Amino acid sequence: MEQFHVIGAGGIGLAIATSLYKAGKQVLLIENNPEKIAFCKAHGAIVDKQSFPINIESFENWAPCPNVVNILCVKCYNNDEILKKTNDQSLLFPIQNGFDELLTSRPLIGEGIASFISECRPQKTIAAITRSGKLHLGPIQPWTKMPLLFELKSALRQGGIDSHLVAWSLPYKNTKLMYNAAISPLTSAGGFENSELLKPGKLRTLFFQLLLENHAILKASNQPMGTIGPFHPDKVAWLLTHKWLGESMAPFFRPSLKKTYCSMFHDVMGGVTEIENYNGYLSRLAKASKLPSPLNDLALKVITQMASERSTGNAHWLNAILDAF
């Protein structure tokens, strides 16, 4: 594992690429935005104000190579065009939040689940880690391909990413989904930073209810969950069902979300989002378990409508959710 193609020069892609570069690996960034490509060629890949001379290539001209690990740091809606260029012999390792059925047919090395936030400036290969956290690396099937994943974890850790090898990626991916599918639609609809969700009021109550609905769906579907952050999701759900406990703890978590934004916040203005891979996936799980999912169904409807109109988040869209609640 000496050569890596990091597909997607966004916040996570830049953090991963520069980490591997610092670990002495051969890294090539793959990007489809011509302005980002030009900026990277002129100024390098910049993370936390440190620049690295990483090579970059347009996705149009990119072709996967044998024995090169392809790390997918793109949104789920980009997977289709990537998979069309690869085959079952391609070494693929996605670091994504949503659930994409297209990837289930491929023999992935494993996948990564990031609890840190890396935000990228528009049209530039400049990123900043705005919230610290871990990167969990695990196989798709428990305890498979562990030597490869151990090697990848060691390289990323050497390059400064707080990486942890786990026996199975799915529990951590489910937990990340539980949080993302509550944070992303609400902050995107309102057009504000993540910390606003923990202010006292109706919005915080709705946020807690959406977290509880997500947890109930995953539990009813017998989906395993791992610990990301200080508490296991079962403990989080218990705290939220005891209203005074959840409300009393909210002020302690709010500072860590200050000046952080979900990626869907910007995607709605581009007309395409991962809402089907977040709340849509949970709604389908709920239907399979014959469980109601009113909040996920509503979030899916509102964000889909916003994307169709390429709208920014505002009070109108947020009230469309709050008033129904």
Protein backbone atom coordinates (compact mmCIF):
# COMPACT_ATOMS: atom_id res chain seq x y z
CA MET A 1 0.00 0.00 0.00
CA GLU A 2 2.43 2.61 -1.26
CA GLN A 3 0.31 4.32 -3.93
CA PHE A 4 -3.02 6.02 -3.38
CA HIS A 5 -5.53 7.84 -5.53
CA VAL A 6 -7.73 10.05 -3.37
CA ILE A 7 -10.90 10.78 -5.31
CA GLY A 8 -12.45 14.07 -4.28
CA ALA A 9 -10.51 17.16 -3.19
CA GLY A 10 -13.04 18.25 -0.59
CA GLY A 11 -12.48 18.61 3.13
CA ILE A 12 -12.09 14.90 3.92
CA GLY A 13 -10.20 14.16 0.71
CA LEU A 14 -7.62 16.86 1.40
CA ALA A 15 -7.18 15.71 5.01
CA ILE A 16 -6.64 12.09 3.92
CA ALA A 17 -4.37 12.95 0.97
CA THR A 18 -2.08 15.20 2.99
CA SER A 19 -1.93 12.66 5.80
CA LEU A 20 -0.79 9.91 3.44
CA TYR A 21 1.70 12.31 1.83
CA LYS A 22 3.20 13.09 5.24
CA ALA A 23 3.51 9.35 5.83
CA GLY A 24 5.71 9.08 2.74
CA LYS A 25 3.14 7.54 0.39
CA GLN A 26 2.66 8.34 -3.30
CA VAL A 27 -0.58 10.29 -3.55
CA LEU A 28 -2.58 11.53 -6.51
CA LEU A 29 -5.67 13.68 -5.99
CA ILE A 30 -8.55 13.18 -8.43
CA GLU A 31 -10.99 16.07 -8.90
CA ASN A 32 -13.56 17.20 -11.49
CA ASN A 33 -13.61 20.91 -10.58
CA PRO A 34 -11.22 22.74 -12.96
CA GLU A 35 -10.78 25.68 -10.59
CA LYS A 36 -9.69 23.37 -7.78
CA ILE A 37 -7.32 21.57 -10.11
CA ALA A 38 -5.73 24.82 -11.21
CA PHE A 39 -5.44 26.07 -7.62
CA CYS A 40 -3.82 22.84 -6.44
CA LYS A 41 -1.28 22.92 -9.26
CA ALA A 42 -0.39 26.49 -8.33
CA HIS A 43 -0.54 26.38 -4.54
CA GLY A 44 -0.69 22.72 -3.47
CA ALA A 45 -3.11 20.99 -1.12
CA ILE A 46 -3.46 23.12 2.01
CA VAL A 47 -4.76 21.75 5.30
CA ASP A 48 -4.69 23.81 8.48
CA LYS A 49 -2.51 26.43 6.74
CA GLN A 50 0.17 23.91 5.76
CA SER A 51 0.75 23.37 2.03
CA PHE A 52 1.76 20.07 0.39
CA PRO A 53 2.87 19.64 -3.27
CA ILE A 54 0.44 16.83 -4.07
CA ASN A 55 -0.20 16.01 -7.71
CA ILE A 56 -3.74 16.37 -9.01
CA GLU A 57 -5.53 15.05 -12.08
CA SER A 58 -8.95 15.61 -13.59
CA PHE A 59 -11.48 12.85 -13.10
CA GLU A 60 -12.13 12.87 -16.85
CA ASN A 61 -8.52 11.84 -17.54
CA TRP A 62 -8.20 9.50 -14.56
CA ALA A 63 -7.95 5.75 -14.96
CA PRO A 64 -7.56 3.36 -12.00
CA CYS A 65 -4.29 1.44 -11.85
CA PRO A 66 -3.59 -2.07 -10.55
CA ASN A 67 -2.32 -2.23 -6.94
CA VAL A 68 -3.25 1.40 -6.29
CA VAL A 69 -5.71 2.01 -3.47
CA ASN A 70 -8.58 4.28 -4.51
CA ILE A 71 -10.01 6.18 -1.54
CA LEU A 72 -13.46 7.54 -2.33
CA CYS A 73 -13.89 10.87 -0.54
CA VAL A 74 -16.87 11.96 -2.62
CA LYS A 75 -20.61 12.09 -1.98
CA CYS A 76 -22.68 8.96 -2.58
CA TYR A 77 -24.28 10.54 -5.63
CA ASN A 78 -20.85 10.55 -7.34
CA ASN A 79 -20.27 6.81 -6.87
CA ASP A 80 -21.98 5.73 -10.08
CA GLU A 81 -19.54 7.53 -12.40
CA ILE A 82 -16.57 6.24 -10.39
CA LEU A 83 -17.77 2.64 -10.45
CA LYS A 84 -18.16 2.84 -14.22
CA LYS A 85 -14.39 3.38 -14.47
CA THR A 86 -13.46 0.59 -12.07
CA ASN A 87 -13.96 -3.18 -11.88
CA ASP A 88 -13.91 -5.95 -9.29
CA GLN A 89 -10.09 -5.91 -9.27
CA SER A 90 -9.94 -2.22 -8.33
CA LEU A 91 -8.95 -1.54 -4.74
CA LEU A 92 -11.73 0.67 -3.36
CA PHE A 93 -11.99 2.21 0.09
CA PRO A 94 -14.88 4.69 0.59
CA ILE A 95 -14.96 7.26 3.38
CA GLN A 96 -18.60 8.27 3.16
CA ASN A 97 -21.54 8.88 5.46
CA GLY A 98 -24.58 7.68 3.55
CA PHE A 99 -25.63 4.18 2.52
CA ASP A 100 -25.29 3.50 -1.20
CA GLU A 101 -26.56 0.20 -2.61
CA LEU A 102 -24.24 0.57 -5.62
CA LEU A 103 -21.23 -0.18 -3.42
CA THR A 104 -22.66 -3.39 -1.99
CA SER A 105 -21.87 -5.27 -5.22
CA ARG A 106 -18.16 -4.40 -5.07
CA PRO A 107 -15.47 -6.24 -3.04
CA LEU A 108 -14.29 -3.22 -1.06
CA ILE A 109 -11.12 -3.26 1.02
CA GLY A 110 -13.24 -1.79 3.80
CA GLU A 111 -14.53 1.66 4.62
CA GLY A 112 -13.81 4.60 6.87
CA ILE A 113 -16.16 6.53 9.12
CA ALA A 114 -14.92 9.98 10.11
CA SER A 115 -16.10 11.70 13.27
CA PHE A 116 -13.87 14.72 12.62
CA ILE A 117 -15.03 17.62 10.44
CA SER A 118 -12.83 19.01 7.68
CA GLU A 119 -14.29 21.95 5.78
CA CYS A 120 -13.06 23.02 2.36
CA ARG A 121 -13.16 26.48 0.80
CA PRO A 122 -15.18 26.73 -2.42
CA GLN A 123 -13.16 26.33 -5.63
CA LYS A 124 -9.87 25.92 -3.71
CA THR A 125 -7.87 23.04 -2.27
CA ILE A 126 -7.81 24.66 1.16
CA ALA A 127 -9.28 22.82 4.13
CA ALA A 128 -9.39 23.24 7.89
CA ILE A 129 -10.19 20.72 10.61
CA THR A 130 -13.04 22.51 12.38
CA ARG A 131 -13.89 19.69 14.78
CA SER A 132 -11.44 17.05 15.97
CA GLY A 133 -12.38 13.40 16.03
CA LYS A 134 -11.41 9.90 14.95
CA LEU A 135 -11.38 7.92 11.73
CA HIS A 136 -12.70 4.39 12.23
CA LEU A 137 -11.44 1.92 9.62
CA GLY A 138 -13.08 -1.46 9.32
CA PRO A 139 -13.97 -4.26 6.89
CA ILE A 140 -17.38 -4.73 5.26
CA GLN A 141 -17.53 -8.26 6.66
CA PRO A 142 -16.26 -8.73 10.25
CA TRP A 143 -12.57 -9.50 10.63
CA THR A 144 -11.77 -9.68 6.90
CA LYS A 145 -8.81 -8.01 5.14
CA MET A 146 -7.45 -6.86 8.48
CA PRO A 147 -3.74 -6.77 7.46
CA LEU A 148 -4.47 -4.31 4.64
CA LEU A 149 -6.58 -2.14 6.94
CA PHE A 150 -3.93 -2.22 9.65
CA GLU A 151 -1.37 -0.96 7.13
CA LEU A 152 -3.70 1.83 6.01
CA LYS A 153 -4.49 2.81 9.60
CA SER A 154 -0.78 2.97 10.45
CA ALA A 155 -0.04 5.22 7.47
CA LEU A 156 -2.89 7.61 8.26
CA ARG A 157 -1.93 7.75 11.92
CA GLN A 158 1.68 8.44 10.97
CA GLY A 159 0.38 11.34 8.89
CA GLY A 160 -1.59 12.81 11.77
CA ILE A 161 -5.09 11.32 11.42
CA ASP A 162 -6.41 9.80 14.67
CA SER A 163 -7.18 6.45 13.02
CA HIS A 164 -8.59 3.37 14.74
CA LEU A 165 -8.98 -0.14 13.33
CA VAL A 166 -12.29 -1.84 14.18
CA ALA A 167 -13.48 -5.38 13.50
CA TRP A 168 -16.50 -4.28 11.45
CA SER A 169 -17.34 -0.93 9.87
CA LEU A 170 -21.14 -1.27 9.88
CA PRO A 171 -21.79 -0.49 13.58
CA TYR A 172 -19.90 2.81 13.29
CA LYS A 173 -21.49 3.69 9.97
CA ASN A 174 -24.94 3.15 11.49
CA THR A 175 -24.12 5.40 14.43
CA LYS A 176 -22.82 8.14 12.15
CA LEU A 177 -26.02 7.85 10.13
CA MET A 178 -28.13 8.21 13.26
CA TYR A 179 -26.51 11.59 13.93
CA ASN A 180 -26.11 12.82 10.35
CA ALA A 181 -29.70 12.07 9.41
CA ALA A 182 -30.82 14.33 12.26
CA ILE A 183 -28.28 17.14 11.91
CA SER A 184 -28.07 17.48 8.12
CA PRO A 185 -31.72 18.02 7.12
CA LEU A 186 -32.49 20.42 9.97
CA THR A 187 -29.43 22.65 9.57
CA SER A 188 -29.76 22.56 5.77
CA ALA A 189 -33.42 23.55 5.95
CA GLY A 190 -32.68 26.39 8.37
CA GLY A 191 -29.43 27.53 6.78
CA PHE A 192 -27.42 27.72 10.01
CA GLU A 193 -24.46 26.12 11.75
CA ASN A 194 -24.80 22.85 13.63
CA SER A 195 -24.64 24.36 17.12
CA GLU A 196 -28.03 26.05 16.61
CA LEU A 197 -29.66 22.65 17.10
CA LEU A 198 -28.72 22.64 20.78
CA LYS A 199 -30.22 26.01 21.66
CA PRO A 200 -33.26 25.74 23.96
CA GLY A 201 -36.56 25.71 22.10
CA LYS A 202 -38.76 23.81 19.66
CA LEU A 203 -35.90 23.14 17.23
CA ARG A 204 -33.86 21.34 19.88
CA THR A 205 -36.89 19.29 20.88
CA LEU A 206 -37.40 18.30 17.23
CA PHE A 207 -33.70 17.44 16.88
CA PHE A 208 -33.90 15.14 19.89
CA GLN A 209 -37.07 13.51 18.55
CA LEU A 210 -35.41 12.88 15.18
CA LEU A 211 -32.42 11.29 16.90
CA LEU A 212 -34.79 9.03 18.84
CA GLU A 213 -36.68 8.08 15.67
CA ASN A 214 -33.40 7.22 13.93
CA HIS A 215 -32.29 5.11 16.88
CA ALA A 216 -35.64 3.29 17.02
CA ILE A 217 -35.48 2.46 13.30
CA LEU A 218 -31.95 1.07 13.55
CA LYS A 219 -32.83 -0.99 16.62
CA ALA A 220 -36.04 -2.36 15.05
CA SER A 221 -34.02 -3.35 11.97
CA ASN A 222 -31.46 -5.18 14.15
CA GLN A 223 -28.69 -2.91 12.92
CA PRO A 224 -25.54 -2.94 15.10
CA MET A 225 -24.25 0.37 16.44
CA GLY A 226 -20.83 1.36 17.76
CA THR A 227 -19.64 4.15 20.00
CA ILE A 228 -18.69 7.43 18.34
CA GLY A 229 -18.07 10.14 20.90
CA PRO A 230 -18.52 9.75 24.64
CA PHE A 231 -21.70 7.63 24.62
CA HIS A 232 -23.06 4.58 22.81
CA PRO A 233 -26.26 5.35 20.84
CA ASP A 234 -28.31 3.29 23.31
CA LYS A 235 -27.08 5.56 26.10
CA VAL A 236 -27.84 8.66 24.01
CA ALA A 237 -31.40 7.42 23.44
CA TRP A 238 -31.82 6.75 27.15
CA LEU A 239 -30.63 10.26 28.00
CA LEU A 240 -33.01 11.81 25.46
CA THR A 241 -36.01 9.90 26.77
CA HIS A 242 -35.30 11.53 30.14
CA LYS A 243 -35.96 15.05 28.90
CA TRP A 244 -34.31 16.94 31.75
CA LEU A 245 -31.08 14.96 31.30
CA GLY A 246 -30.86 15.63 27.59
CA GLU A 247 -31.60 19.32 28.04
CA SER A 248 -29.12 19.70 30.90
CA MET A 249 -26.30 18.10 28.86
CA ALA A 250 -26.95 20.04 25.64
CA PRO A 251 -24.98 23.18 26.71
CA PHE A 252 -21.85 21.07 27.26
CA PHE A 253 -21.93 19.67 23.69
CA ARG A 254 -22.94 22.87 21.92
CA PRO A 255 -19.46 24.53 21.91
CA SER A 256 -17.97 21.59 19.97
CA LEU A 257 -20.43 22.25 17.13
CA LYS A 258 -19.73 25.98 16.88
CA LYS A 259 -18.77 27.15 13.38
CA THR A 260 -19.31 23.69 11.87
CA TYR A 261 -21.65 22.96 8.98
CA CYS A 262 -22.93 19.79 7.39
CA SER A 263 -22.01 19.24 3.75
CA MET A 264 -25.68 19.03 2.74
CA PHE A 265 -25.93 22.70 3.73
CA HIS A 266 -24.21 23.65 0.45
CA ASP A 267 -25.42 20.73 -1.68
CA VAL A 268 -29.07 21.82 -1.75
CA MET A 269 -28.06 24.92 -3.72
CA GLY A 270 -26.39 22.67 -6.30
CA GLY A 271 -29.57 20.67 -6.83
CA VAL A 272 -28.35 17.27 -5.62
CA THR A 273 -27.94 15.91 -2.09
CA GLU A 274 -27.38 12.67 -0.19
CA ILE A 275 -30.81 12.87 1.47
CA GLU A 276 -31.83 9.54 -0.13
CA ASN A 277 -28.69 7.96 1.34
CA TYR A 278 -29.49 9.38 4.79
CA ASN A 279 -33.16 9.80 5.63
CA GLY A 280 -34.35 7.91 2.57
CA TYR A 281 -32.37 4.88 3.68
CA LEU A 282 -33.82 5.10 7.19
CA SER A 283 -37.35 5.46 5.82
CA ARG A 284 -36.88 2.30 3.76
CA LEU A 285 -35.54 0.44 6.80
CA ALA A 286 -38.57 1.59 8.80
CA LYS A 287 -41.01 0.40 6.15
CA ALA A 288 -39.30 -3.01 6.04
CA SER A 289 -39.76 -3.24 9.83
CA LYS A 290 -43.33 -1.88 9.62
CA LEU A 291 -42.29 1.05 11.79
CA PRO A 292 -43.51 4.64 11.31
CA SER A 293 -40.90 7.22 10.29
CA PRO A 294 -42.82 10.53 10.10
CA LEU A 295 -39.85 12.81 10.79
CA ASN A 296 -37.55 11.09 8.32
CA ASP A 297 -40.29 11.11 5.68
CA LEU A 298 -40.83 14.83 6.25
CA ALA A 299 -37.11 15.64 6.16
CA LEU A 300 -36.80 13.69 2.91
CA LYS A 301 -39.70 15.60 1.36
CA VAL A 302 -38.49 19.07 2.38
CA ILE A 303 -34.83 18.63 1.39
CA THR A 304 -35.82 17.05 -1.93
CA GLN A 305 -38.03 20.05 -2.66
CA MET A 306 -35.25 22.47 -1.66
CA ALA A 307 -32.80 20.74 -3.98
CA SER A 308 -35.27 20.82 -6.87
CA GLU A 309 -35.53 24.60 -6.42
CA ARG A 310 -31.79 25.00 -5.65
CA SER A 311 -32.83 26.97 -2.59
CA THR A 312 -30.77 28.19 0.31
CA GLY A 313 -31.85 27.27 3.80
CA ASN A 314 -34.17 29.78 5.43
CA ALA A 315 -37.02 30.19 7.92
CA HIS A 316 -39.61 29.12 5.34
CA TRP A 317 -38.12 25.66 4.89
CA LEU A 318 -37.35 25.17 8.56
CA ASN A 319 -40.93 26.12 9.48
CA ALA A 320 -42.19 23.56 6.96
CA ILE A 321 -40.66 20.95 9.28
CA LEU A 322 -41.31 22.65 12.62
CA ASP A 323 -44.98 23.42 11.87
CA ALA A 324 -45.67 19.80 10.88
CA PHE A 325 -44.03 18.70 14.13
